[in-house]
Protein backbone atom coordinates (compact mmCIF):
# COMPACT_ATOMS: atom_id res chain seq x y z
CA UNK A 1 63.25 128.08 126.27
CA UNK A 2 66.80 129.26 125.68
CA UNK A 3 66.64 128.06 122.07
CA UNK A 4 63.30 129.80 121.50
CA UNK A 5 64.54 133.03 123.07
CA UNK A 6 67.70 132.85 120.97
CA UNK A 7 65.66 132.36 117.81
CA UNK A 8 63.34 135.26 118.63
CA UNK A 9 66.17 137.65 119.44
CA UNK A 10 68.84 136.55 116.98
CA UNK A 11 70.98 139.69 116.51
CA UNK A 12 70.90 141.53 113.20
CA UNK A 13 72.68 144.73 112.13
CA UNK A 14 71.00 147.98 113.12
CA UNK A 15 71.45 149.12 109.52
CA UNK A 16 68.92 146.47 108.47
CA UNK A 17 66.30 148.01 110.73
CA UNK A 18 67.16 151.51 109.52
CA UNK A 19 66.66 150.49 105.89
CA UNK A 20 63.49 148.52 106.62
CA UNK A 21 62.12 151.40 108.69
CA UNK A 22 62.62 153.83 105.80
CA UNK A 23 60.84 151.47 103.43
CA UNK A 24 57.93 150.93 105.81
CA UNK A 25 57.38 154.58 106.65
CA UNK A 26 57.61 155.58 102.99
CA UNK A 27 54.90 153.03 102.27
CA UNK A 28 52.76 154.31 105.16
CA UNK A 29 52.82 157.75 103.51
CA UNK A 30 51.65 156.25 100.22
CA UNK A 31 49.12 154.04 102.02
CA UNK A 32 47.27 156.76 103.92
CA UNK A 33 47.20 159.02 100.86
CA UNK A 34 46.09 156.57 98.18
CA UNK A 35 44.82 153.18 99.46
CA UNK A 36 44.01 153.44 103.17
CA UNK A 37 42.44 156.85 102.53
CA UNK A 38 38.87 156.46 103.75
CA UNK A 39 39.24 157.99 107.23
CA UNK A 40 38.45 161.56 106.16
CA UNK A 41 35.33 160.50 104.18
CA UNK A 42 34.24 158.50 107.22
CA UNK A 43 34.17 161.69 109.28
CA UNK A 44 31.11 162.82 107.32
CA UNK A 45 29.07 159.77 108.36
CA UNK A 46 29.98 159.09 112.02
CA UNK A 47 26.61 157.36 112.56
CA UNK A 48 27.92 154.35 110.58
CA UNK A 49 30.85 153.81 112.93
CA UNK A 50 30.91 150.27 114.36
CA UNK A 51 34.24 150.02 116.23
CA UNK A 52 36.24 146.82 116.34
CA UNK A 53 37.00 145.17 119.69
CA UNK A 54 40.26 147.03 120.26
CA UNK A 55 38.67 150.36 119.38
CA UNK A 56 35.92 149.62 121.90
CA UNK A 57 38.44 148.70 124.60
CA UNK A 58 40.29 152.01 124.22
CA UNK A 59 37.01 153.93 123.74
CA UNK A 60 38.06 155.31 120.36
CA UNK A 61 35.24 157.55 119.09
CA UNK A 62 34.52 158.36 115.43
CA UNK A 63 36.87 161.11 114.28
CA UNK A 64 35.69 164.53 113.22
CA UNK A 65 36.79 165.99 109.91
CA UNK A 66 39.24 168.41 111.58
CA UNK A 67 40.77 165.64 113.68
CA UNK A 68 41.06 163.37 110.63
CA UNK A 69 42.99 166.02 108.69
CA UNK A 70 45.20 166.71 111.72
CA UNK A 71 45.84 162.99 112.12
CA UNK A 72 46.83 162.69 108.46
CA UNK A 73 49.22 165.63 108.76
CA UNK A 74 50.77 164.10 111.89
CA UNK A 75 51.32 160.72 110.18
CA UNK A 76 53.01 162.36 107.19
CA UNK A 77 55.27 164.57 109.32
CA UNK A 78 56.29 161.76 111.67
CA UNK A 79 57.04 159.39 108.81
CA UNK A 80 59.27 161.98 107.13
CA UNK A 81 61.15 162.52 110.40
CA UNK A 82 61.60 158.78 110.88
CA UNK A 83 62.87 158.27 107.33
CA UNK A 84 65.34 161.13 107.80
CA UNK A 85 66.55 159.56 111.06
CA UNK A 86 65.51 162.55 113.15
CA UNK A 87 64.04 162.14 116.64
CA UNK A 88 63.82 158.44 115.91
CA UNK A 89 62.18 157.29 119.12
CA UNK A 90 59.59 160.08 119.21
CA UNK A 91 58.88 159.77 115.49
CA UNK A 92 58.61 155.99 115.67
CA UNK A 93 56.18 155.89 118.57
CA UNK A 94 54.28 158.78 117.02
CA UNK A 95 53.81 156.84 113.77
CA UNK A 96 52.70 153.78 115.72
CA UNK A 97 50.07 155.74 117.68
CA UNK A 98 48.69 157.81 114.81
CA UNK A 99 48.69 154.99 112.28
CA UNK A 100 46.87 152.65 114.67
CA UNK A 101 44.22 155.29 115.35
CA UNK A 102 43.91 155.80 111.59
CA UNK A 103 43.64 152.04 110.94
CA UNK A 104 41.14 151.38 113.73
CA UNK A 105 38.92 154.18 112.47
CA UNK A 106 39.10 152.90 108.90
CA UNK A 107 38.26 149.34 109.90
CA UNK A 108 35.43 150.51 112.15
CA UNK A 109 33.41 151.42 109.07
CA UNK A 110 34.04 148.36 106.94
CA UNK A 111 35.62 144.92 106.97
CA UNK A 112 38.91 144.44 108.80
CA UNK A 113 41.62 144.46 106.14
CA UNK A 114 43.87 141.57 107.05
CA UNK A 115 46.49 142.66 104.54
CA UNK A 116 47.33 145.47 107.01
CA UNK A 117 47.89 143.20 110.01
CA UNK A 118 51.64 142.77 109.50
CA UNK A 119 52.07 146.45 108.70
CA UNK A 120 50.32 147.50 111.91
CA UNK A 121 52.52 145.13 113.93
CA UNK A 122 55.56 146.56 112.13
CA UNK A 123 54.80 150.15 113.11
CA UNK A 124 54.35 149.00 116.71
CA UNK A 125 57.61 147.06 117.10
CA UNK A 126 60.05 149.21 115.10
CA UNK A 127 60.27 151.96 117.77
CA UNK A 128 61.39 149.39 120.36
CA UNK A 129 64.75 149.13 118.59
CA UNK A 130 65.70 152.72 119.39
CA UNK A 131 68.25 154.61 117.33
CA UNK A 132 69.42 152.86 114.14
CA UNK A 133 71.54 154.41 111.39
CA UNK A 134 71.83 153.30 107.78
CA UNK A 135 75.53 152.37 108.07
CA UNK A 136 75.53 151.02 111.60
CA UNK A 137 76.60 147.36 111.36
CA UNK A 138 76.35 146.82 115.14
CA UNK A 139 74.52 143.58 115.92
CA UNK A 140 71.45 144.11 118.07
CA UNK A 141 69.11 141.66 119.76
CA UNK A 142 66.42 144.35 119.93
CA UNK A 143 66.64 144.74 116.16
CA UNK A 144 66.45 140.98 115.73
CA UNK A 145 63.38 140.74 117.96
CA UNK A 146 61.57 143.54 116.10
CA UNK A 147 62.20 142.01 112.69
CA UNK A 148 61.24 138.56 113.96
CA UNK A 149 57.90 139.98 115.14
CA UNK A 150 57.33 141.40 111.66
CA UNK A 151 58.23 138.06 110.10
CA UNK A 152 55.82 136.21 112.36
CA UNK A 153 53.00 138.65 111.63
CA UNK A 154 53.68 138.37 107.89
CA UNK A 155 53.55 134.58 107.93
CA UNK A 156 50.49 134.51 110.19
CA UNK A 157 48.64 136.66 107.66
CA UNK A 158 48.67 133.62 105.37
CA UNK A 159 48.48 130.83 107.92
CA UNK A 160 45.63 132.55 109.73
CA UNK A 161 43.61 132.76 106.53
CA UNK A 162 43.60 128.96 106.43
CA UNK A 163 41.45 128.91 109.58
CA UNK A 164 39.21 131.64 108.14
CA UNK A 165 38.60 129.49 105.05
CA UNK A 166 37.99 126.47 107.25
CA UNK A 167 35.39 128.18 109.43
CA UNK A 168 33.66 129.86 106.49
CA UNK A 169 33.42 126.82 104.20
CA UNK A 170 33.10 124.11 106.85
CA UNK A 171 36.23 122.31 105.66
CA UNK A 172 39.33 123.11 103.65
CA UNK A 173 38.40 120.54 101.03
CA UNK A 174 35.06 122.23 100.49
CA UNK A 175 36.76 125.60 100.04
CA UNK A 176 39.43 124.28 97.67
CA UNK A 177 36.87 122.41 95.56
CA UNK A 178 34.42 125.32 95.53
CA UNK A 179 33.89 128.16 93.09
CA UNK A 180 35.77 130.90 94.95
CA UNK A 181 37.94 131.94 92.01
CA UNK A 182 35.05 131.62 89.56
CA UNK A 183 32.97 133.99 91.65
CA UNK A 184 35.90 136.38 92.09
CA UNK A 185 36.69 136.52 88.38
CA UNK A 186 33.04 137.03 87.45
CA UNK A 187 32.74 139.82 90.01
CA UNK A 188 36.00 141.68 89.50
CA UNK A 189 38.26 139.73 87.17
CA UNK A 190 40.30 141.51 84.51
CA UNK A 191 39.97 140.74 80.81
CA UNK A 192 43.32 138.96 81.03
CA UNK A 193 41.82 136.05 83.00
CA UNK A 194 38.25 135.85 81.72
CA UNK A 195 39.29 132.92 79.55
CA UNK A 196 39.97 130.86 82.69
CA UNK A 197 36.23 130.64 83.37
CA UNK A 198 36.04 128.04 80.61
CA UNK A 199 38.45 125.78 82.54
CA UNK A 200 36.97 125.14 86.01
CA UNK A 201 39.51 122.41 86.79
CA UNK A 202 42.32 124.92 86.29
CA UNK A 203 40.66 127.31 88.74
CA UNK A 204 40.19 124.49 91.21
CA UNK A 205 43.87 123.58 90.91
CA UNK A 206 44.77 127.22 91.56
CA UNK A 207 42.64 127.17 94.71
CA UNK A 208 44.40 124.05 95.96
CA UNK A 209 47.75 125.62 95.14
CA UNK A 210 47.02 128.80 97.11
CA UNK A 211 45.75 126.75 100.05
CA UNK A 212 48.90 124.61 100.14
CA UNK A 213 51.03 127.75 99.93
CA UNK A 214 49.25 129.24 102.94
CA UNK A 215 49.45 126.02 104.98
CA UNK A 216 53.20 125.78 104.33
CA UNK A 217 53.88 129.47 105.02
CA UNK A 218 55.41 128.92 108.54
CA UNK A 219 58.26 126.97 106.92
CA UNK A 220 59.59 130.28 105.58
CA UNK A 221 60.57 131.28 109.13
CA UNK A 222 63.23 128.57 109.19
CA UNK A 223 64.64 129.02 105.69
CA UNK A 224 67.90 130.73 104.79
CA UNK A 225 69.81 131.78 101.72
CA UNK A 226 68.53 130.87 98.27
CA UNK A 227 65.68 128.75 99.58
CA UNK A 228 64.39 131.73 101.53
CA UNK A 229 64.61 134.00 98.51
CA UNK A 230 62.85 131.39 96.39
CA UNK A 231 60.03 131.09 98.94
CA UNK A 232 59.60 134.87 99.12
CA UNK A 233 59.55 134.96 95.33
CA UNK A 234 56.71 132.42 95.32
CA UNK A 235 54.59 134.55 97.64
CA UNK A 236 55.31 137.72 95.67
CA UNK A 237 54.44 135.91 92.44
CA UNK A 238 51.18 134.82 94.08
CA UNK A 239 50.32 138.45 94.85
CA UNK A 240 51.31 139.57 91.37
CA UNK A 241 48.95 136.95 89.94
CA UNK A 242 46.04 138.07 92.13
CA UNK A 243 46.71 141.69 91.17
CA UNK A 244 46.71 140.91 87.46
CA UNK A 245 43.65 138.68 87.78
CA UNK A 246 41.48 140.65 90.20
CA UNK A 247 43.23 143.89 91.12
CA UNK A 248 44.02 142.69 94.65
CA UNK A 249 47.50 144.00 95.42
CA UNK A 250 48.17 143.11 99.11
CA UNK A 251 50.99 145.69 99.13
CA UNK A 252 51.02 146.22 102.95
CA UNK A 253 52.00 142.58 103.41
CA UNK A 254 54.35 142.61 100.43
CA UNK A 255 56.34 145.44 102.04
CA UNK A 256 56.67 143.43 105.24
CA UNK A 257 58.36 140.57 103.35
CA UNK A 258 61.44 142.81 103.18
CA UNK A 259 61.96 142.09 106.90
CA UNK A 260 63.42 138.74 105.79
CA UNK A 261 66.09 140.32 103.56
CA UNK A 262 69.61 141.61 104.38
CA UNK A 263 68.77 145.22 103.51
CA UNK A 264 71.93 146.50 105.17
CA UNK A 265 73.87 145.37 102.10
CA UNK A 266 71.88 147.79 99.97
CA UNK A 267 72.35 150.72 102.32
CA UNK A 268 76.06 149.97 102.63
CA UNK A 269 76.51 150.06 98.86
CA UNK A 270 74.46 153.23 98.49
CA UNK A 271 76.32 154.92 101.34
CA UNK A 272 79.67 153.87 99.85
CA UNK A 273 78.76 155.37 96.50
CA UNK A 274 77.60 158.58 98.13
CA UNK A 275 80.66 158.48 100.42
CA UNK A 276 78.58 159.03 103.55
CA UNK A 277 80.49 158.84 106.87
CA UNK A 278 79.96 155.87 109.16
CA UNK A 279 78.24 156.57 112.49
CA UNK A 280 80.46 157.26 115.47
CA UNK A 281 80.83 154.28 117.82
CA UNK A 282 78.57 154.32 120.87
């Protein structure tokens, strides 16, 4: 138990959380404005609202148009405050609350977008760290725990999809040997990959490759150094391929991969170039 607790709360610099927080909240702004932007249109058809389990448990009703606009404004304002490092605790918990309400409403009208799972977990755990500055190299167990939660949620996005494939197809072999990619390319494939339809064995090999990648995803949690960077590169290349082939970007999960990286090195270099003062010791 001591080893598990030590692994879950391995200290990392607070500057890493500060940099990751800025990246995440900047993406949340982009997300609610351009990709996760169906909440306001949903307010015009509240009769189609079919809340998910969590939304039912908290009795979340369909949002009116005025409330949807107010919620959007609150998310944007709170994210800007968090990025600027102002009122960090209030801004962080505010983003968590408003973004979860936004996400639960969005997913209550359509399928649950599993690419947002890690991002939703991220917004929930980042405020638990408290105050974190871009040049604060103080090691923190709270920061380590928050980033570890993000890492686990990111990996489980892939590993969990293995069980979804299993239950949907009856067996993993059936899914991997099926025509999933053929159907996807016919339905929404770009002209860059239409040629692949003439090579079904190549598509089948790609399906096996993606399945193996997802099954092996938990190994990333125990990698370090160049092997870790190589593994992250493989997953990002996978998403780049799906985006080129079918327009599926998976950006919410891609952003969460940065929780594995030593972002404090970037902020330290930027701060040094701008000659920003280091934070006063606590």
